[in-house]
Amino acid sequence: MRKRNKNLSIRLTESEWHIVKNMQEDSEMNMRDFILTCVYCQPMIIKKGGDKIVAQLKYMGNNLNQLTRKVNSGQIKDCSFELEKIYMALEAMREEWQ
């Protein structure tokens, strides 16, 4: 694990600050991660609403965990219908975010 013990300070005009700040907010990253991503020239895909898709994925993961628990305990014998619903929801999300 590397220790980040160096500071970087730059001066920006008001308009430059607004551009950087808006891009950083659109990326939904904190400023440090945003700047490091820019510095390392890693491609950034900025899509608004990323927090909503993360919430949906967490919800679906929770449903999958509950389904797995019920199958393992013998409460459900055939879970193909429930798995198909999860799959369809994932496909819909994938199509929406491409």
PDB file of N, CA and C in Angstrom:
ATOM      1  N   MET A   1       0.843  -1.174   0.000  1.00  0.00           N
ATOM      2  CA  MET A   1       0.000   0.000   0.000  1.00  0.00           C
ATOM      3  C   MET A   1       0.889   1.237   0.000  1.00  0.00           C
ATOM      4  N   ARG A   2       0.638   2.109  -0.954  1.00  0.00           N
ATOM      5  CA  ARG A   2       1.497   3.287  -1.011  1.00  0.00           C
ATOM      6  C   ARG A   2       0.902   4.400  -0.161  1.00  0.00           C
ATOM      7  N   LYS A   3       1.776   5.211   0.325  1.00  0.00           N
ATOM      8  CA  LYS A   3       1.354   6.309   1.188  1.00  0.00           C
ATOM      9  C   LYS A   3       1.376   7.591   0.380  1.00  0.00           C
ATOM     10  N   ARG A   4       0.257   8.260   0.339  1.00  0.00           N
ATOM     11  CA  ARG A   4       0.175   9.532  -0.397  1.00  0.00           C
ATOM     12  C   ARG A   4       0.483  10.659   0.584  1.00  0.00           C
ATOM     13  N   ASN A   5       1.692  11.173   0.496  1.00  0.00           N
ATOM     14  CA  ASN A   5       2.097  12.213   1.433  1.00  0.00           C
ATOM     15  C   ASN A   5       2.504  13.506   0.740  1.00  0.00           C
ATOM     16  N   LYS A   6       2.173  13.657  -0.532  1.00  0.00           N
ATOM     17  CA  LYS A   6       2.498  14.874  -1.274  1.00  0.00           C
ATOM     18  C   LYS A   6       1.206  15.609  -1.627  1.00  0.00           C
ATOM     19  N   ASN A   7       1.252  16.914  -1.572  1.00  0.00           N
ATOM     20  CA  ASN A   7       0.108  17.752  -1.923  1.00  0.00           C
ATOM     21  C   ASN A   7       0.339  18.409  -3.271  1.00  0.00           C
ATOM     22  N   LEU A   8      -0.741  18.692  -3.959  1.00  0.00           N
ATOM     23  CA  LEU A   8      -0.695  19.386  -5.235  1.00  0.00           C
ATOM     24  C   LEU A   8      -1.666  20.554  -5.147  1.00  0.00           C
ATOM     25  N   SER A   9      -1.178  21.722  -5.478  1.00  0.00           N
ATOM     26  CA  SER A   9      -2.016  22.915  -5.438  1.00  0.00           C
ATOM     27  C   SER A   9      -1.875  23.642  -6.767  1.00  0.00           C
ATOM     28  N   ILE A  10      -3.010  23.993  -7.374  1.00  0.00           N
ATOM     29  CA  ILE A  10      -2.975  24.738  -8.631  1.00  0.00           C
ATOM     30  C   ILE A  10      -3.948  25.907  -8.528  1.00  0.00           C
ATOM     31  N   ARG A  11      -3.717  26.901  -9.356  1.00  0.00           N
ATOM     32  CA  ARG A  11      -4.607  28.056  -9.411  1.00  0.00           C
ATOM     33  C   ARG A  11      -5.395  27.988 -10.712  1.00  0.00           C
ATOM     34  N   LEU A  12      -6.687  28.244 -10.592  1.00  0.00           N
ATOM     35  CA  LEU A  12      -7.579  28.206 -11.743  1.00  0.00           C
ATOM     36  C   LEU A  12      -8.387  29.489 -11.811  1.00  0.00           C
ATOM     37  N   THR A  13      -8.793  29.836 -13.023  1.00  0.00           N
ATOM     38  CA  THR A  13      -9.739  30.945 -13.153  1.00  0.00           C
ATOM     39  C   THR A  13     -11.102  30.429 -12.696  1.00  0.00           C
ATOM     40  N   GLU A  14     -12.017  31.345 -12.505  1.00  0.00           N
ATOM     41  CA  GLU A  14     -13.369  30.962 -12.087  1.00  0.00           C
ATOM     42  C   GLU A  14     -14.011  30.021 -13.113  1.00  0.00           C
ATOM     43  N   SER A  15     -13.838  30.333 -14.394  1.00  0.00           N
ATOM     44  CA  SER A  15     -14.450  29.491 -15.430  1.00  0.00           C
ATOM     45  C   SER A  15     -13.771  28.116 -15.496  1.00  0.00           C
ATOM     46  N   GLU A  16     -12.442  28.072 -15.323  1.00  0.00           N
ATOM     47  CA  GLU A  16     -11.753  26.784 -15.310  1.00  0.00           C
ATOM     48  C   GLU A  16     -12.226  25.930 -14.134  1.00  0.00           C
ATOM     49  N   TRP A  17     -12.379  26.572 -12.968  1.00  0.00           N
ATOM     50  CA  TRP A  17     -12.840  25.862 -11.780  1.00  0.00           C
ATOM     51  C   TRP A  17     -14.221  25.260 -12.017  1.00  0.00           C
ATOM     52  N   HIS A  18     -15.129  26.035 -12.624  1.00  0.00           N
ATOM     53  CA  HIS A  18     -16.481  25.532 -12.876  1.00  0.00           C
ATOM     54  C   HIS A  18     -16.454  24.361 -13.847  1.00  0.00           C
ATOM     55  N   ILE A  19     -15.593  24.417 -14.858  1.00  0.00           N
ATOM     56  CA  ILE A  19     -15.482  23.308 -15.816  1.00  0.00           C
ATOM     57  C   ILE A  19     -15.000  22.047 -15.108  1.00  0.00           C
ATOM     58  N   VAL A  20     -13.922  22.176 -14.340  1.00  0.00           N
ATOM     59  CA  VAL A  20     -13.368  21.019 -13.636  1.00  0.00           C
ATOM     60  C   VAL A  20     -14.375  20.484 -12.629  1.00  0.00           C
ATOM     61  N   LYS A  21     -14.988  21.371 -11.873  1.00  0.00           N
ATOM     62  CA  LYS A  21     -15.935  20.948 -10.841  1.00  0.00           C
ATOM     63  C   LYS A  21     -17.146  20.254 -11.466  1.00  0.00           C
ATOM     64  N   ASN A  22     -17.665  20.777 -12.572  1.00  0.00           N
ATOM     65  CA  ASN A  22     -18.815  20.153 -13.234  1.00  0.00           C
ATOM     66  C   ASN A  22     -18.454  18.770 -13.775  1.00  0.00           C
ATOM     67  N   MET A  23     -17.266  18.651 -14.378  1.00  0.00           N
ATOM     68  CA  MET A  23     -16.834  17.350 -14.891  1.00  0.00           C
ATOM     69  C   MET A  23     -16.655  16.352 -13.751  1.00  0.00           C
ATOM     70  N   GLN A  24     -16.088  16.822 -12.655  1.00  0.00           N
ATOM     71  CA  GLN A  24     -15.883  15.953 -11.497  1.00  0.00           C
ATOM     72  C   GLN A  24     -17.226  15.500 -10.935  1.00  0.00           C
ATOM     73  N   GLU A  25     -18.177  16.400 -10.812  1.00  0.00           N
ATOM     74  CA  GLU A  25     -19.491  16.034 -10.282  1.00  0.00           C
ATOM     75  C   GLU A  25     -20.211  15.074 -11.227  1.00  0.00           C
ATOM     76  N   ASP A  26     -20.088  15.305 -12.541  1.00  0.00           N
ATOM     77  CA  ASP A  26     -20.709  14.405 -13.520  1.00  0.00           C
ATOM     78  C   ASP A  26     -20.116  13.001 -13.443  1.00  0.00           C
ATOM     79  N   SER A  27     -18.840  12.918 -13.102  1.00  0.00           N
ATOM     80  CA  SER A  27     -18.176  11.617 -13.027  1.00  0.00           C
ATOM     81  C   SER A  27     -18.594  10.847 -11.780  1.00  0.00           C
ATOM     82  N   GLU A  28     -19.187  11.519 -10.800  1.00  0.00           N
ATOM     83  CA  GLU A  28     -19.590  10.937  -9.521  1.00  0.00           C
ATOM     84  C   GLU A  28     -18.398  10.342  -8.764  1.00  0.00           C
ATOM     85  N   MET A  29     -17.214  10.906  -9.001  1.00  0.00           N
ATOM     86  CA  MET A  29     -16.003  10.540  -8.265  1.00  0.00           C
ATOM     87  C   MET A  29     -15.669  11.691  -7.327  1.00  0.00           C
ATOM     88  N   ASN A  30     -14.870  11.384  -6.316  1.00  0.00           N
ATOM     89  CA  ASN A  30     -14.369  12.500  -5.520  1.00  0.00           C
ATOM     90  C   ASN A  30     -13.276  13.189  -6.334  1.00  0.00           C
ATOM     91  N   MET A  31     -12.891  14.392  -5.918  1.00  0.00           N
ATOM     92  CA  MET A  31     -11.960  15.200  -6.710  1.00  0.00           C
ATOM     93  C   MET A  31     -10.613  14.496  -6.886  1.00  0.00           C
ATOM     94  N   ARG A  32     -10.105  13.846  -5.842  1.00  0.00           N
ATOM     95  CA  ARG A  32      -8.810  13.164  -5.932  1.00  0.00           C
ATOM     96  C   ARG A  32      -8.861  12.059  -6.978  1.00  0.00           C
ATOM     97  N   ASP A  33      -9.881  11.209  -6.931  1.00  0.00           N
ATOM     98  CA  ASP A  33      -9.992  10.124  -7.902  1.00  0.00           C
ATOM     99  C   ASP A  33     -10.179  10.664  -9.319  1.00  0.00           C
ATOM    100  N   PHE A  34     -10.955  11.732  -9.448  1.00  0.00           N
ATOM    101  CA  PHE A  34     -11.177  12.342 -10.760  1.00  0.00           C
ATOM    102  C   PHE A  34      -9.858  12.836 -11.341  1.00  0.00           C
ATOM    103  N   ILE A  35      -9.089  13.582 -10.550  1.00  0.00           N
ATOM    104  CA  ILE A  35      -7.816  14.131 -11.025  1.00  0.00           C
ATOM    105  C   ILE A  35      -6.838  13.003 -11.356  1.00  0.00           C
ATOM    106  N   LEU A  36      -6.748  11.989 -10.491  1.00  0.00           N
ATOM    107  CA  LEU A  36      -5.828  10.882 -10.769  1.00  0.00           C
ATOM    108  C   LEU A  36      -6.232  10.131 -12.031  1.00  0.00           C
ATOM    109  N   THR A  37      -7.512   9.963 -12.271  1.00  0.00           N
ATOM    110  CA  THR A  37      -7.973   9.317 -13.500  1.00  0.00           C
ATOM    111  C   THR A  37      -7.564  10.142 -14.712  1.00  0.00           C
ATOM    112  N   CYS A  38      -7.712  11.455 -14.614  1.00  0.00           N
ATOM    113  CA  CYS A  38      -7.279  12.328 -15.710  1.00  0.00           C
ATOM    114  C   CYS A  38      -5.772  12.236 -15.924  1.00  0.00           C
ATOM    115  N   VAL A  39      -5.008  12.230 -14.848  1.00  0.00           N
ATOM    116  CA  VAL A  39      -3.545  12.199 -14.936  1.00  0.00           C
ATOM    117  C   VAL A  39      -3.070  10.900 -15.569  1.00  0.00           C
ATOM    118  N   TYR A  40      -3.670   9.793 -15.181  1.00  0.00           N
ATOM    119  CA  TYR A  40      -3.256   8.497 -15.705  1.00  0.00           C
ATOM    120  C   TYR A  40      -3.807   8.237 -17.099  1.00  0.00           C
ATOM    121  N   CYS A  41      -4.542   9.190 -17.642  1.00  0.00           N
ATOM    122  CA  CYS A  41      -5.094   9.085 -19.001  1.00  0.00           C
ATOM    123  C   CYS A  41      -5.969   7.865 -19.184  1.00  0.00           C
ATOM    124  N   GLN A  42      -6.621   7.456 -18.121  1.00  0.00           N
ATOM    125  CA  GLN A  42      -7.561   6.354 -18.245  1.00  0.00           C
ATOM    126  C   GLN A  42      -8.847   6.911 -18.825  1.00  0.00           C
ATOM    127  N   PRO A  43      -9.438   6.203 -19.763  1.00  0.00           N
ATOM    128  CA  PRO A  43     -10.681   6.725 -20.336  1.00  0.00           C
ATOM    129  C   PRO A  43     -11.778   6.797 -19.276  1.00  0.00           C
ATOM    130  N   MET A  44     -12.481   7.903 -19.279  1.00  0.00           N
ATOM    131  CA  MET A  44     -13.575   8.088 -18.334  1.00  0.00           C
ATOM    132  C   MET A  44     -14.887   8.060 -19.091  1.00  0.00           C
ATOM    133  N   ILE A  45     -15.786   7.264 -18.613  1.00  0.00           N
ATOM    134  CA  ILE A  45     -17.131   7.236 -19.168  1.00  0.00           C
ATOM    135  C   ILE A  45     -18.025   7.902 -18.143  1.00  0.00           C
ATOM    136  N   ILE A  46     -18.562   9.041 -18.534  1.00  0.00           N
ATOM    137  CA  ILE A  46     -19.390   9.803 -17.608  1.00  0.00           C
ATOM    138  C   ILE A  46     -20.841   9.625 -18.012  1.00  0.00           C
ATOM    139  N   LYS A  47     -21.584   8.998 -17.130  1.00  0.00           N
ATOM    140  CA  LYS A  47     -23.010   8.820 -17.345  1.00  0.00           C
ATOM    141  C   LYS A  47     -23.713   9.260 -16.073  1.00  0.00           C
ATOM    142  N   LYS A  48     -24.616  10.188 -16.237  1.00  0.00           N
ATOM    143  CA  LYS A  48     -25.354  10.654 -15.070  1.00  0.00           C
ATOM    144  C   LYS A  48     -26.317   9.566 -14.611  1.00  0.00           C
ATOM    145  N   GLY A  49     -26.558   9.543 -13.334  1.00  0.00           N
ATOM    146  CA  GLY A  49     -27.486   8.572 -12.775  1.00  0.00           C
ATOM    147  C   GLY A  49     -26.831   7.266 -12.386  1.00  0.00           C
ATOM    148  N   GLY A  50     -25.508   7.239 -12.319  1.00  0.00           N
ATOM    149  CA  GLY A  50     -24.804   6.023 -11.938  1.00  0.00           C
ATOM    150  C   GLY A  50     -25.191   5.533 -10.561  1.00  0.00           C
ATOM    151  N   ASP A  51     -25.515   6.459  -9.668  1.00  0.00           N
ATOM    152  CA  ASP A  51     -25.918   6.062  -8.320  1.00  0.00           C
ATOM    153  C   ASP A  51     -27.221   5.275  -8.353  1.00  0.00           C
ATOM    154  N   LYS A  52     -28.096   5.569  -9.323  1.00  0.00           N
ATOM    155  CA  LYS A  52     -29.366   4.848  -9.430  1.00  0.00           C
ATOM    156  C   LYS A  52     -29.131   3.411  -9.877  1.00  0.00           C
ATOM    157  N   ILE A  53     -28.214   3.222 -10.824  1.00  0.00           N
ATOM    158  CA  ILE A  53     -27.950   1.863 -11.289  1.00  0.00           C
ATOM    159  C   ILE A  53     -27.264   1.040 -10.199  1.00  0.00           C
ATOM    160  N   VAL A  54     -26.416   1.673  -9.417  1.00  0.00           N
ATOM    161  CA  VAL A  54     -25.773   0.970  -8.307  1.00  0.00           C
ATOM    162  C   VAL A  54     -26.825   0.531  -7.299  1.00  0.00           C
ATOM    163  N   ALA A  55     -27.785   1.394  -7.010  1.00  0.00           N
ATOM    164  CA  ALA A  55     -28.862   1.033  -6.080  1.00  0.00           C
ATOM    165  C   ALA A  55     -29.685  -0.132  -6.627  1.00  0.00           C
ATOM    166  N   GLN A  56     -29.965  -0.113  -7.933  1.00  0.00           N
ATOM    167  CA  GLN A  56     -30.714  -1.213  -8.545  1.00  0.00           C
ATOM    168  C   GLN A  56     -29.930  -2.518  -8.464  1.00  0.00           C
ATOM    169  N   LEU A  57     -28.632  -2.454  -8.725  1.00  0.00           N
ATOM    170  CA  LEU A  57     -27.805  -3.656  -8.654  1.00  0.00           C
ATOM    171  C   LEU A  57     -27.754  -4.208  -7.231  1.00  0.00           C
ATOM    172  N   LYS A  58     -27.665  -3.335  -6.239  1.00  0.00           N
ATOM    173  CA  LYS A  58     -27.677  -3.787  -4.841  1.00  0.00           C
ATOM    174  C   LYS A  58     -28.995  -4.465  -4.506  1.00  0.00           C
ATOM    175  N   TYR A  59     -30.098  -3.891  -4.988  1.00  0.00           N
ATOM    176  CA  TYR A  59     -31.421  -4.454  -4.743  1.00  0.00           C
ATOM    177  C   TYR A  59     -31.522  -5.847  -5.376  1.00  0.00           C
ATOM    178  N   MET A  60     -31.031  -5.963  -6.608  1.00  0.00           N
ATOM    179  CA  MET A  60     -31.092  -7.251  -7.293  1.00  0.00           C
ATOM    180  C   MET A  60     -30.172  -8.269  -6.621  1.00  0.00           C
ATOM    181  N   GLY A  61     -29.028  -7.832  -6.144  1.00  0.00           N
ATOM    182  CA  GLY A  61     -28.132  -8.723  -5.415  1.00  0.00           C
ATOM    183  C   GLY A  61     -28.766  -9.230  -4.143  1.00  0.00           C
ATOM    184  N   ASN A  62     -29.493  -8.350  -3.462  1.00  0.00           N
ATOM    185  CA  ASN A  62     -30.206  -8.748  -2.254  1.00  0.00           C
ATOM    186  C   ASN A  62     -31.262  -9.798  -2.587  1.00  0.00           C
ATOM    187  N   ASN A  63     -32.013  -9.578  -3.679  1.00  0.00           N
ATOM    188  CA  ASN A  63     -33.019 -10.548  -4.097  1.00  0.00           C
ATOM    189  C   ASN A  63     -32.381 -11.901  -4.415  1.00  0.00           C
ATOM    190  N   LEU A  64     -31.240 -11.870  -5.090  1.00  0.00           N
ATOM    191  CA  LEU A  64     -30.549 -13.104  -5.432  1.00  0.00           C
ATOM    192  C   LEU A  64     -30.079 -13.835  -4.175  1.00  0.00           C
ATOM    193  N   ASN A  65     -29.588 -13.096  -3.205  1.00  0.00           N
ATOM    194  CA  ASN A  65     -29.161 -13.714  -1.944  1.00  0.00           C
ATOM    195  C   ASN A  65     -30.341 -14.360  -1.221  1.00  0.00           C
ATOM    196  N   GLN A  66     -31.486 -13.682  -1.185  1.00  0.00           N
ATOM    197  CA  GLN A  66     -32.670 -14.244  -0.540  1.00  0.00           C
ATOM    198  C   GLN A  66     -33.127 -15.511  -1.257  1.00  0.00           C
ATOM    199  N   LEU A  67     -33.096 -15.461  -2.584  1.00  0.00           N
ATOM    200  CA  LEU A  67     -33.482 -16.619  -3.376  1.00  0.00           C
ATOM    201  C   LEU A  67     -32.544 -17.795  -3.104  1.00  0.00           C
ATOM    202  N   THR A  68     -31.265 -17.520  -3.050  1.00  0.00           N
ATOM    203  CA  THR A  68     -30.277 -18.571  -2.774  1.00  0.00           C
ATOM    204  C   THR A  68     -30.516 -19.190  -1.404  1.00  0.00           C
ATOM    205  N   ARG A  69     -30.791 -18.352  -0.404  1.00  0.00           N
ATOM    206  CA  ARG A  69     -31.071 -18.854   0.947  1.00  0.00           C
ATOM    207  C   ARG A  69     -32.280 -19.786   0.949  1.00  0.00           C
ATOM    208  N   LYS A  70     -33.342 -19.388   0.233  1.00  0.00           N
ATOM    209  CA  LYS A  70     -34.562 -20.205   0.199  1.00  0.00           C
ATOM    210  C   LYS A  70     -34.330 -21.524  -0.529  1.00  0.00           C
ATOM    211  N   VAL A  71     -33.557 -21.502  -1.603  1.00  0.00           N
ATOM    212  CA  VAL A  71     -33.256 -22.736  -2.326  1.00  0.00           C
ATOM    213  C   VAL A  71     -32.430 -23.666  -1.445  1.00  0.00           C
ATOM    214  N   ASN A  72     -31.415 -23.129  -0.785  1.00  0.00           N
ATOM    215  CA  ASN A  72     -30.554 -23.952   0.070  1.00  0.00           C
ATOM    216  C   ASN A  72     -31.282 -24.516   1.275  1.00  0.00           C
ATOM    217  N   SER A  73     -32.312 -23.827   1.751  1.00  0.00           N
ATOM    218  CA  SER A  73     -33.063 -24.322   2.905  1.00  0.00           C
ATOM    219  C   SER A  73     -34.202 -25.246   2.488  1.00  0.00           C
ATOM    220  N   GLY A  74     -34.431 -25.382   1.182  1.00  0.00           N
ATOM    221  CA  GLY A  74     -35.473 -26.274   0.705  1.00  0.00           C
ATOM    222  C   GLY A  74     -36.845 -25.633   0.605  1.00  0.00           C
ATOM    223  N   GLN A  75     -36.959 -24.346   0.844  1.00  0.00           N
ATOM    224  CA  GLN A  75     -38.256 -23.663   0.755  1.00  0.00           C
ATOM    225  C   GLN A  75     -38.725 -23.556  -0.690  1.00  0.00           C
ATOM    226  N   ILE A  76     -37.781 -23.504  -1.629  1.00  0.00           N
ATOM    227  CA  ILE A  76     -38.101 -23.399  -3.051  1.00  0.00           C
ATOM    228  C   ILE A  76     -37.408 -24.548  -3.769  1.00  0.00           C
ATOM    229  N   LYS A  77     -38.150 -25.249  -4.600  1.00  0.00           N
ATOM    230  CA  LYS A  77     -37.567 -26.353  -5.374  1.00  0.00           C
ATOM    231  C   LYS A  77     -37.106 -25.894  -6.754  1.00  0.00           C
ATOM    232  N   ASP A  78     -37.911 -25.040  -7.409  1.00  0.00           N
ATOM    233  CA  ASP A  78     -37.587 -24.572  -8.750  1.00  0.00           C
ATOM    234  C   ASP A  78     -37.565 -23.052  -8.743  1.00  0.00           C
ATOM    235  N   CYS A  79     -36.396 -22.480  -8.970  1.00  0.00           N
ATOM    236  CA  CYS A  79     -36.260 -21.022  -8.921  1.00  0.00           C
ATOM    237  C   CYS A  79     -36.050 -20.425 -10.306  1.00  0.00           C
ATOM    238  N   SER A  80     -36.345 -21.178 -11.356  1.00  0.00           N
ATOM    239  CA  SER A  80     -36.077 -20.696 -12.708  1.00  0.00           C
ATOM    240  C   SER A  80     -36.871 -19.431 -13.034  1.00  0.00           C
ATOM    241  N   PHE A  81     -38.108 -19.319 -12.538  1.00  0.00           N
ATOM    242  CA  PHE A  81     -38.912 -18.127 -12.810  1.00  0.00           C
ATOM    243  C   PHE A  81     -38.275 -16.894 -12.172  1.00  0.00           C
ATOM    244  N   GLU A  82     -37.851 -17.015 -10.925  1.00  0.00           N
ATOM    245  CA  GLU A  82     -37.229 -15.896 -10.223  1.00  0.00           C
ATOM    246  C   GLU A  82     -35.903 -15.507 -10.874  1.00  0.00           C
ATOM    247  N   LEU A  83     -35.127 -16.497 -11.279  1.00  0.00           N
ATOM    248  CA  LEU A  83     -33.862 -16.221 -11.954  1.00  0.00           C
ATOM    249  C   LEU A  83     -34.097 -15.540 -13.299  1.00  0.00           C
ATOM    250  N   GLU A  84     -35.139 -15.936 -13.992  1.00  0.00           N
ATOM    251  CA  GLU A  84     -35.474 -15.303 -15.275  1.00  0.00           C
ATOM    252  C   GLU A  84     -35.839 -13.834 -15.065  1.00  0.00           C
ATOM    253  N   LYS A  85     -36.560 -13.522 -13.988  1.00  0.00           N
ATOM    254  CA  LYS A  85     -36.909 -12.125 -13.685  1.00  0.00           C
ATOM    255  C   LYS A  85     -35.650 -11.299 -13.436  1.00  0.00           C
ATOM    256  N   ILE A  86     -34.717 -11.850 -12.685  1.00  0.00           N
ATOM    257  CA  ILE A  86     -33.462 -11.147 -12.400  1.00  0.00           C
ATOM    258  C   ILE A  86     -32.682 -10.940 -13.687  1.00  0.00           C
ATOM    259  N   TYR A  87     -32.620 -11.965 -14.517  1.00  0.00           N
ATOM    260  CA  TYR A  87     -31.905 -11.864 -15.787  1.00  0.00           C
ATOM    261  C   TYR A  87     -32.517 -10.782 -16.680  1.00  0.00           C
ATOM    262  N   MET A  88     -33.840 -10.755 -16.770  1.00  0.00           N
ATOM    263  CA  MET A  88     -34.516  -9.764 -17.607  1.00  0.00           C
ATOM    264  C   MET A  88     -34.249  -8.345 -17.089  1.00  0.00           C
ATOM    265  N   ALA A  89     -34.241  -8.178 -15.773  1.00  0.00           N
ATOM    266  CA  ALA A  89     -33.960  -6.861 -15.202  1.00  0.00           C
ATOM    267  C   ALA A  89     -32.532  -6.423 -15.526  1.00  0.00           C
ATOM    268  N   LEU A  90     -31.583  -7.351 -15.454  1.00  0.00           N
ATOM    269  CA  LEU A  90     -30.194  -7.037 -15.803  1.00  0.00           C
ATOM    270  C   LEU A  90     -30.064  -6.674 -17.279  1.00  0.00           C
ATOM    271  N   GLU A  91     -30.751  -7.393 -18.134  1.00  0.00           N
ATOM    272  CA  GLU A  91     -30.716  -7.090 -19.560  1.00  0.00           C
ATOM    273  C   GLU A  91     -31.290  -5.709 -19.839  1.00  0.00           C
ATOM    274  N   ALA A  92     -32.385  -5.367 -19.166  1.00  0.00           N
ATOM    275  CA  ALA A  92     -32.989  -4.044 -19.352  1.00  0.00           C
ATOM    276  C   ALA A  92     -32.027  -2.947 -18.910  1.00  0.00           C
ATOM    277  N   MET A  93     -31.332  -3.164 -17.796  1.00  0.00           N
ATOM    278  CA  MET A  93     -30.364  -2.181 -17.322  1.00  0.00           C
ATOM    279  C   MET A  93     -29.210  -2.052 -18.300  1.00  0.00           C
ATOM    280  N   ARG A  94     -28.735  -3.172 -18.841  1.00  0.00           N
ATOM    281  CA  ARG A  94     -27.622  -3.153 -19.787  1.00  0.00           C
ATOM    282  C   ARG A  94     -27.997  -2.355 -21.043  1.00  0.00           C
ATOM    283  N   GLU A  95     -29.185  -2.589 -21.553  1.00  0.00           N
ATOM    284  CA  GLU A  95     -29.623  -1.874 -22.749  1.00  0.00           C
ATOM    285  C   GLU A  95     -29.787  -0.377 -22.477  1.00  0.00           C
ATOM    286  N   GLU A  96     -30.268  -0.041 -21.297  1.00  0.00           N
ATOM    287  CA  GLU A  96     -30.459   1.362 -20.922  1.00  0.00           C
ATOM    288  C   GLU A  96     -29.138   2.100 -20.830  1.00  0.00           C
ATOM    289  N   TRP A  97     -28.072   1.426 -20.385  1.00  0.00           N
ATOM    290  CA  TRP A  97     -26.796   2.095 -20.123  1.00  0.00           C
ATOM    291  C   TRP A  97     -25.793   1.969 -21.242  1.00  0.00           C
ATOM    292  N   GLN A  98     -26.198   1.458 -22.391  1.00  0.00           N
ATOM    293  CA  GLN A  98     -25.251   1.393 -23.512  1.00  0.00           C
ATOM    294  C   GLN A  98     -25.399   2.576 -24.398  1.00  0.00           C
TER     295      GLN A  98
END
